[in-house]
């Protein structure tokens, strides 16, 4: 794949190589959904699927999105993918001048694997290499988060950026989204394999109710703080405190999900550390039910896949992953059951929706890095 992208670079830009090539992985989140922007805990990792960002200084302005078959030259209206690149450049190195940029890879777009965050992080890391600046991975993650919040307008947290830039191979990251402290620990679930099932219902968080959920959480905190002034975010709210409040039903549901989901993170950590796939699966199931009924960010395609998986004999558990309204279901399955499960799941989905899902097998990978061109 990398060789193919380099060939495309040379087709467009001549026989030279890019000055910088960055491999920027996708993000998988084991549990802790919608808790990051509530200053809670999350349990993500980087995926073996990734996006390559190739960059070189130039006298003209030419960016190419290889997977989309799109490109821009000069000061033209920016398509959505180019807005992320432009946001990263203007936030980090506005005076860098014209660049040749080519992006592409095997990271699905709109599947809830944070392809947009991978792009922003990859561009920032490439700019760091070009400018010889010395920011840490944590500092770049903060800049990347700022780009998505202030330039793009997605009111998310820091989970995606930390996972993409700071993950370790074969490990997940327990991240405290308030203190930004994190630790890695290895995943081994005794014959259980993680797998993603892509609904192929693409989403753009700007065009969904993602920001509305973030606003609803803030509204709940504002009301709870009137009775409990020490509360800074839903991370600080206990089930007992919520019971004492008489919040509007929607706000109560949102808050209850975040509180319960936040509590599932250390439980999942324990299940992984004790090599207990059954306990991990039960937590996935509970998470999906909360995302479906309390947080209301699922959709019929996600529910169909999760329901099929959670009734299947060889599956420990499954839940929708990511911002919601489309994207992927995360499934923990017995390795020997994968082939039969995929066949049955594809048939069921095809019968219901008229097309098949994609099954994405991934490994937990290292975070974004500079690719050696030797």
Protein backbone atom coordinates (compact mmCIF):
# COMPACT_ATOMS: atom_id res chain seq x y z
CA UNK A 1 0.00 0.00 0.00
CA UNK A 2 2.76 2.45 0.87
CA UNK A 3 4.57 1.67 -2.39
CA UNK A 4 1.37 2.37 -4.31
CA UNK A 5 0.94 5.72 -2.60
CA UNK A 6 4.55 6.69 -3.32
CA UNK A 7 3.93 5.84 -6.99
CA UNK A 8 0.90 8.10 -6.97
CA UNK A 9 3.00 10.85 -5.38
CA UNK A 10 5.54 10.55 -8.17
CA UNK A 11 2.84 10.49 -10.84
CA UNK A 12 1.51 13.83 -9.56
CA UNK A 13 4.64 15.54 -8.27
CA UNK A 14 7.56 14.09 -10.20
CA UNK A 15 10.27 11.53 -9.47
CA UNK A 16 11.29 12.81 -6.03
CA UNK A 17 10.08 11.31 -2.75
CA UNK A 18 8.01 13.11 -0.11
CA UNK A 19 10.10 14.92 2.47
CA UNK A 20 8.02 13.36 5.25
CA UNK A 21 5.77 10.29 5.41
CA UNK A 22 3.66 9.72 8.52
CA UNK A 23 1.68 6.60 9.34
CA UNK A 24 -1.30 7.74 11.41
CA UNK A 25 -3.48 4.89 12.75
CA UNK A 26 -7.18 4.71 13.39
CA UNK A 27 -8.65 4.48 16.85
CA UNK A 28 -10.65 1.70 18.46
CA UNK A 29 -12.34 2.33 21.80
CA UNK A 30 -12.94 -0.75 23.92
CA UNK A 31 -15.26 1.09 26.30
CA UNK A 32 -15.88 4.58 27.62
CA UNK A 33 -18.04 6.12 24.90
CA UNK A 34 -18.97 9.80 25.13
CA UNK A 35 -17.14 10.01 28.45
CA UNK A 36 -14.09 11.89 27.16
CA UNK A 37 -15.78 15.27 26.75
CA UNK A 38 -17.30 14.72 30.19
CA UNK A 39 -13.82 14.53 31.77
CA UNK A 40 -14.21 10.82 32.40
CA UNK A 41 -12.24 7.67 31.67
CA UNK A 42 -11.75 5.86 28.34
CA UNK A 43 -10.03 2.71 27.16
CA UNK A 44 -8.86 3.17 23.55
CA UNK A 45 -6.05 1.87 21.38
CA UNK A 46 -4.63 2.46 17.92
CA UNK A 47 -5.49 0.13 15.03
CA UNK A 48 -3.37 -1.56 12.39
CA UNK A 49 -5.55 0.21 9.81
CA UNK A 50 -4.03 3.61 9.15
CA UNK A 51 -3.74 6.66 6.97
CA UNK A 52 -0.50 7.77 5.40
CA UNK A 53 0.23 11.48 5.18
CA UNK A 54 2.91 12.45 2.65
CA UNK A 55 4.15 16.03 2.65
CA UNK A 56 6.76 18.10 0.84
CA UNK A 57 7.44 21.82 0.55
CA UNK A 58 6.64 23.26 -2.84
CA UNK A 59 6.17 26.41 -4.89
CA UNK A 60 2.52 25.55 -5.54
CA UNK A 61 -0.45 24.45 -3.46
CA UNK A 62 -1.61 20.91 -4.36
CA UNK A 63 -3.33 18.44 -2.03
CA UNK A 64 -4.59 14.97 -3.02
CA UNK A 65 -6.96 12.61 -1.20
CA UNK A 66 -6.04 9.38 -2.97
CA UNK A 67 -8.80 7.20 -1.52
CA UNK A 68 -11.48 9.71 -2.54
CA UNK A 69 -10.03 10.49 -5.94
CA UNK A 70 -10.15 14.20 -5.09
CA UNK A 71 -7.58 16.95 -5.21
CA UNK A 72 -7.35 20.70 -4.79
CA UNK A 73 -4.96 23.21 -6.30
CA UNK A 74 -4.68 26.85 -5.36
CA UNK A 75 -7.17 28.75 -3.22
CA UNK A 76 -10.32 26.83 -4.11
CA UNK A 77 -13.32 26.07 -1.85
CA UNK A 78 -12.19 23.32 0.50
CA UNK A 79 -13.89 19.91 0.60
CA UNK A 80 -14.38 18.47 4.07
CA UNK A 81 -11.12 16.45 4.15
CA UNK A 82 -9.09 19.51 3.15
CA UNK A 83 -10.62 21.57 5.96
CA UNK A 84 -8.92 19.26 8.47
CA UNK A 85 -5.57 19.73 6.74
CA UNK A 86 -6.04 23.48 6.52
CA UNK A 87 -7.05 23.64 10.19
CA UNK A 88 -3.92 21.76 11.25
CA UNK A 89 -1.64 23.98 9.17
CA UNK A 90 -3.15 27.30 10.28
CA UNK A 91 -3.07 26.21 13.93
CA UNK A 92 0.49 24.88 13.92
CA UNK A 93 2.56 26.37 11.09
CA UNK A 94 0.63 29.13 9.29
CA UNK A 95 3.77 30.54 7.68
CA UNK A 96 5.10 27.29 6.26
CA UNK A 97 4.19 28.19 2.67
CA UNK A 98 2.86 25.99 -0.12
CA UNK A 99 2.87 22.23 0.32
CA UNK A 100 2.39 19.13 -1.75
CA UNK A 101 0.27 16.70 0.30
CA UNK A 102 -1.03 13.24 -0.54
CA UNK A 103 -3.13 11.17 1.86
CA UNK A 104 -4.38 7.60 1.59
CA UNK A 105 -4.46 4.24 3.29
CA UNK A 106 -6.71 1.44 4.51
CA UNK A 107 -8.49 3.35 7.30
CA UNK A 108 -12.24 3.45 6.51
CA UNK A 109 -13.79 6.91 6.34
CA UNK A 110 -16.94 7.60 8.37
CA UNK A 111 -16.76 4.26 10.18
CA UNK A 112 -16.24 5.59 13.71
CA UNK A 113 -12.50 4.78 13.65
CA UNK A 114 -11.49 8.46 13.84
CA UNK A 115 -10.22 8.88 10.30
CA UNK A 116 -10.54 12.67 10.64
CA UNK A 117 -8.51 12.72 13.85
CA UNK A 118 -5.92 10.45 12.24
CA UNK A 119 -5.64 12.98 9.42
CA UNK A 120 -5.21 15.96 11.75
CA UNK A 121 -2.67 14.12 13.92
CA UNK A 122 -0.78 12.89 10.89
CA UNK A 123 -0.55 16.37 9.37
CA UNK A 124 0.59 17.87 12.68
CA UNK A 125 3.29 15.24 13.10
CA UNK A 126 4.43 15.84 9.52
CA UNK A 127 4.59 19.60 10.14
CA UNK A 128 6.58 18.97 13.30
CA UNK A 129 9.13 17.01 11.27
CA UNK A 130 9.29 19.66 8.54
CA UNK A 131 9.76 22.52 10.99
CA UNK A 132 12.05 20.59 13.39
CA UNK A 133 9.96 21.67 16.36
CA UNK A 134 10.03 19.68 19.59
CA UNK A 135 6.48 19.23 20.83
CA UNK A 136 5.73 16.04 22.74
CA UNK A 137 3.00 13.64 21.69
CA UNK A 138 0.84 15.01 24.49
CA UNK A 139 1.30 18.56 23.22
CA UNK A 140 0.44 17.57 19.67
CA UNK A 141 -2.67 15.76 20.95
CA UNK A 142 -3.81 18.96 22.65
CA UNK A 143 -3.30 20.96 19.43
CA UNK A 144 -5.13 18.32 17.38
CA UNK A 145 -8.07 18.39 19.78
CA UNK A 146 -8.15 22.17 19.57
CA UNK A 147 -8.23 22.00 15.77
CA UNK A 148 -11.27 19.73 15.80
CA UNK A 149 -13.09 21.78 18.42
CA UNK A 150 -12.30 25.33 17.35
CA UNK A 151 -11.63 25.03 13.62
CA UNK A 152 -13.86 22.16 12.58
CA UNK A 153 -16.50 22.54 15.29
CA UNK A 154 -16.75 18.98 16.69
CA UNK A 155 -17.21 19.32 20.45
CA UNK A 156 -15.36 16.15 21.38
CA UNK A 157 -12.68 15.32 23.91
CA UNK A 158 -9.06 14.19 23.79
CA UNK A 159 -9.43 10.42 23.52
CA UNK A 160 -8.94 10.04 19.77
CA UNK A 161 -5.85 12.22 19.63
CA UNK A 162 -4.16 10.53 22.61
CA UNK A 163 -4.88 7.07 21.24
CA UNK A 164 -3.65 7.94 17.74
CA UNK A 165 -0.44 9.62 18.89
CA UNK A 166 0.50 7.75 22.08
CA UNK A 167 -0.65 4.12 21.82
CA UNK A 168 1.59 1.07 22.25
CA UNK A 169 1.44 -2.07 20.13
CA UNK A 170 -0.73 -4.86 21.63
CA UNK A 171 -1.87 -2.52 24.43
CA UNK A 172 -4.87 -0.39 25.29
CA UNK A 173 -4.64 2.95 27.04
CA UNK A 174 -6.49 3.82 30.24
CA UNK A 175 -6.83 7.59 29.91
CA UNK A 176 -8.13 10.02 32.50
CA UNK A 177 -9.59 12.77 30.34
CA UNK A 178 -9.47 15.31 33.16
CA UNK A 179 -5.90 14.94 34.35
CA UNK A 180 -4.66 13.55 31.00
CA UNK A 181 -2.78 10.85 32.89
CA UNK A 182 -2.63 7.53 31.10
CA UNK A 183 -1.19 4.05 31.36
CA UNK A 184 -0.91 1.17 28.91
CA UNK A 185 -1.70 -2.43 29.63
CA UNK A 186 -1.59 -5.50 27.45
CA UNK A 187 -4.71 -7.20 26.14
CA UNK A 188 -5.04 -10.98 26.21
CA UNK A 189 -8.54 -12.40 26.51
CA UNK A 190 -7.96 -16.15 26.28
CA UNK A 191 -9.08 -16.95 22.74
CA UNK A 192 -11.30 -13.90 22.38
CA UNK A 193 -10.66 -11.71 19.33
CA UNK A 194 -11.73 -8.14 18.79
CA UNK A 195 -13.42 -7.39 15.47
CA UNK A 196 -15.21 -4.41 13.97
CA UNK A 197 -18.31 -4.71 11.82
CA UNK A 198 -18.82 -1.67 9.62
CA UNK A 199 -22.47 -0.84 8.94
CA UNK A 200 -21.29 1.20 5.93
CA UNK A 201 -23.65 3.90 7.15
CA UNK A 202 -21.22 6.79 6.97
CA UNK A 203 -21.49 9.65 9.40
CA UNK A 204 -20.09 13.12 9.74
CA UNK A 205 -20.22 14.22 13.37
CA UNK A 206 -20.84 17.82 12.31
CA UNK A 207 -24.03 16.69 10.55
CA UNK A 208 -25.31 14.46 13.37
CA UNK A 209 -26.58 15.16 16.89
CA UNK A 210 -23.12 14.60 18.38
CA UNK A 211 -22.67 18.22 19.44
CA UNK A 212 -26.21 18.22 20.80
CA UNK A 213 -25.28 15.38 23.16
CA UNK A 214 -22.28 17.37 24.37
CA UNK A 215 -24.51 20.37 25.00
CA UNK A 216 -27.09 18.25 26.85
CA UNK A 217 -24.38 16.97 29.18
CA UNK A 218 -23.33 20.55 29.95
CA UNK A 219 -26.95 21.49 30.60
CA UNK A 220 -27.28 18.61 33.06
CA UNK A 221 -24.09 19.68 34.86
CA UNK A 222 -25.34 23.29 35.14
CA UNK A 223 -28.52 22.10 36.84
CA UNK A 224 -26.78 19.58 39.12
CA UNK A 225 -24.21 22.19 40.19
CA UNK A 226 -26.97 24.32 41.70
CA UNK A 227 -27.42 21.65 44.35
CA UNK A 228 -23.91 20.21 44.34
CA UNK A 229 -21.52 23.15 43.71
CA UNK A 230 -18.41 20.97 43.68
CA UNK A 231 -19.51 19.24 40.47
CA UNK A 232 -17.36 20.23 37.50
CA UNK A 233 -18.53 17.60 35.03
CA UNK A 234 -20.62 14.43 34.88
CA UNK A 235 -17.49 12.59 35.98
CA UNK A 236 -18.15 14.02 39.48
CA UNK A 237 -21.81 12.98 39.66
CA UNK A 238 -22.75 9.82 41.57
CA UNK A 239 -25.90 7.78 40.94
CA UNK A 240 -27.17 8.95 44.32
CA UNK A 241 -26.70 12.60 43.42
CA UNK A 242 -28.56 12.08 40.17
CA UNK A 243 -31.44 10.44 42.04
CA UNK A 244 -31.79 13.53 44.22
CA UNK A 245 -32.18 15.75 41.17
CA UNK A 246 -35.37 16.12 39.18
CA UNK A 247 -33.82 16.72 35.82
CA UNK A 248 -35.84 16.75 32.60
CA UNK A 249 -36.06 13.15 31.39
CA UNK A 250 -33.76 13.62 28.42
CA UNK A 251 -31.02 15.24 30.51
CA UNK A 252 -31.44 12.60 33.20
CA UNK A 253 -31.00 9.84 30.61
CA UNK A 254 -27.89 11.43 29.16
CA UNK A 255 -26.33 11.91 32.59
CA UNK A 256 -27.20 8.38 33.73
CA UNK A 257 -25.57 6.85 30.69
CA UNK A 258 -22.33 8.81 31.15
CA UNK A 259 -22.15 7.93 34.86
CA UNK A 260 -22.76 4.22 34.19
CA UNK A 261 -20.38 4.15 31.21
CA UNK A 262 -17.65 5.84 33.21
CA UNK A 263 -17.99 3.14 35.86
CA UNK A 264 -17.70 0.43 33.20
CA UNK A 265 -14.17 1.53 32.26
CA UNK A 266 -12.36 0.23 35.39
CA UNK A 267 -14.57 -2.86 35.27
CA UNK A 268 -13.39 -3.52 31.72
CA UNK A 269 -9.80 -2.95 32.79
CA UNK A 270 -10.26 -5.61 35.46
CA UNK A 271 -11.86 -8.03 32.97
CA UNK A 272 -8.92 -7.61 30.60
CA UNK A 273 -6.29 -7.91 33.31
CA UNK A 274 -7.93 -11.08 34.66
CA UNK A 275 -8.31 -12.51 31.13
CA UNK A 276 -12.11 -12.78 31.49
CA UNK A 277 -13.83 -12.46 28.09
CA UNK A 278 -17.26 -13.27 29.55
CA UNK A 279 -17.11 -10.28 31.90
CA UNK A 280 -15.79 -8.09 29.08
CA UNK A 281 -18.67 -9.17 26.85
CA UNK A 282 -21.28 -8.34 29.48
CA UNK A 283 -19.85 -4.84 29.76
CA UNK A 284 -20.03 -4.39 25.98
CA UNK A 285 -23.68 -5.45 26.00
CA UNK A 286 -24.55 -3.05 28.81
CA UNK A 287 -22.76 -0.23 27.02
CA UNK A 288 -24.74 -0.77 23.83
CA UNK A 289 -28.06 -0.82 25.66
CA UNK A 290 -27.19 2.49 27.29
CA UNK A 291 -26.04 4.03 24.01
CA UNK A 292 -29.26 2.87 22.36
CA UNK A 293 -31.83 3.74 25.01
CA UNK A 294 -30.34 6.43 27.26
CA UNK A 295 -27.92 8.30 25.02
CA UNK A 296 -29.86 7.63 21.80
CA UNK A 297 -26.92 7.67 19.41
CA UNK A 298 -27.47 4.29 17.76
CA UNK A 299 -29.31 3.56 14.51
CA UNK A 300 -31.20 0.54 13.07
CA UNK A 301 -28.12 -0.82 11.32
CA UNK A 302 -25.96 -0.67 14.46
CA UNK A 303 -28.72 -2.23 16.55
CA UNK A 304 -29.24 -5.05 14.06
CA UNK A 305 -25.55 -5.99 14.11
CA UNK A 306 -25.24 -5.70 17.89
CA UNK A 307 -28.41 -7.74 18.44
CA UNK A 308 -27.30 -10.44 16.00
CA UNK A 309 -23.87 -10.64 17.64
CA UNK A 310 -25.16 -10.68 21.19
CA UNK A 311 -27.47 -13.60 20.40
CA UNK A 312 -24.76 -15.59 18.64
CA UNK A 313 -23.31 -18.52 20.57
CA UNK A 314 -19.66 -17.74 19.79
CA UNK A 315 -19.79 -14.04 20.64
CA UNK A 316 -18.98 -12.75 24.12
CA UNK A 317 -20.46 -9.29 23.51
CA UNK A 318 -20.82 -6.39 21.12
CA UNK A 319 -21.61 -2.69 21.12
CA UNK A 320 -21.67 0.26 18.78
CA UNK A 321 -18.43 2.21 18.85
CA UNK A 322 -17.67 5.85 18.19
CA UNK A 323 -19.81 8.96 18.02
CA UNK A 324 -22.81 7.02 16.77
CA UNK A 325 -25.50 7.39 14.08
CA UNK A 326 -23.56 4.94 11.89
CA UNK A 327 -20.07 3.50 11.79
CA UNK A 328 -18.99 0.25 13.44
CA UNK A 329 -19.98 -2.34 16.01
CA UNK A 330 -17.13 -3.62 18.18
CA UNK A 331 -17.40 -7.36 18.73
CA UNK A 332 -15.53 -9.72 21.07
CA UNK A 333 -15.77 -13.18 19.56
CA UNK A 334 -14.29 -16.63 19.98
CA UNK A 335 -11.61 -17.09 17.34
CA UNK A 336 -12.98 -20.39 16.10
CA UNK A 337 -16.44 -18.86 15.54
CA UNK A 338 -15.37 -15.99 13.29
CA UNK A 339 -15.95 -17.55 9.86
CA UNK A 340 -19.44 -18.93 10.56
CA UNK A 341 -20.42 -15.77 12.38
CA UNK A 342 -19.39 -13.57 9.46
CA UNK A 343 -21.41 -15.64 7.00
CA UNK A 344 -24.55 -15.62 9.14
CA UNK A 345 -24.20 -11.95 10.05
CA UNK A 346 -23.70 -10.88 6.43
CA UNK A 347 -26.78 -12.85 5.31
CA UNK A 348 -28.93 -11.39 8.07
CA UNK A 349 -27.78 -7.84 7.35
CA UNK A 350 -28.23 -8.26 3.59
CA UNK A 351 -31.78 -9.52 4.09
CA UNK A 352 -32.64 -6.58 6.35
CA UNK A 353 -30.94 -3.68 4.58
CA UNK A 354 -30.13 -4.83 1.06
CA UNK A 355 -26.34 -4.67 1.35
CA UNK A 356 -23.60 -6.40 3.32
CA UNK A 357 -21.49 -5.01 6.16
CA UNK A 358 -17.70 -5.03 6.15
CA UNK A 359 -15.78 -7.10 8.70
CA UNK A 360 -12.62 -5.37 9.88
CA UNK A 361 -9.95 -7.46 11.58
CA UNK A 362 -7.42 -5.31 13.37
CA UNK A 363 -4.44 -5.54 15.66
CA UNK A 364 -3.66 -3.02 18.38
CA UNK A 365 -0.82 -0.96 16.97
CA UNK A 366 1.73 1.67 17.87
CA UNK A 367 0.67 5.31 17.60
CA UNK A 368 1.51 7.67 14.73
CA UNK A 369 5.12 7.63 13.58
CA UNK A 370 7.57 8.81 10.97
CA UNK A 371 8.02 6.22 8.22
CA UNK A 372 11.63 5.36 7.38
CA UNK A 373 12.05 5.83 3.63
CA UNK A 374 15.34 3.93 3.33
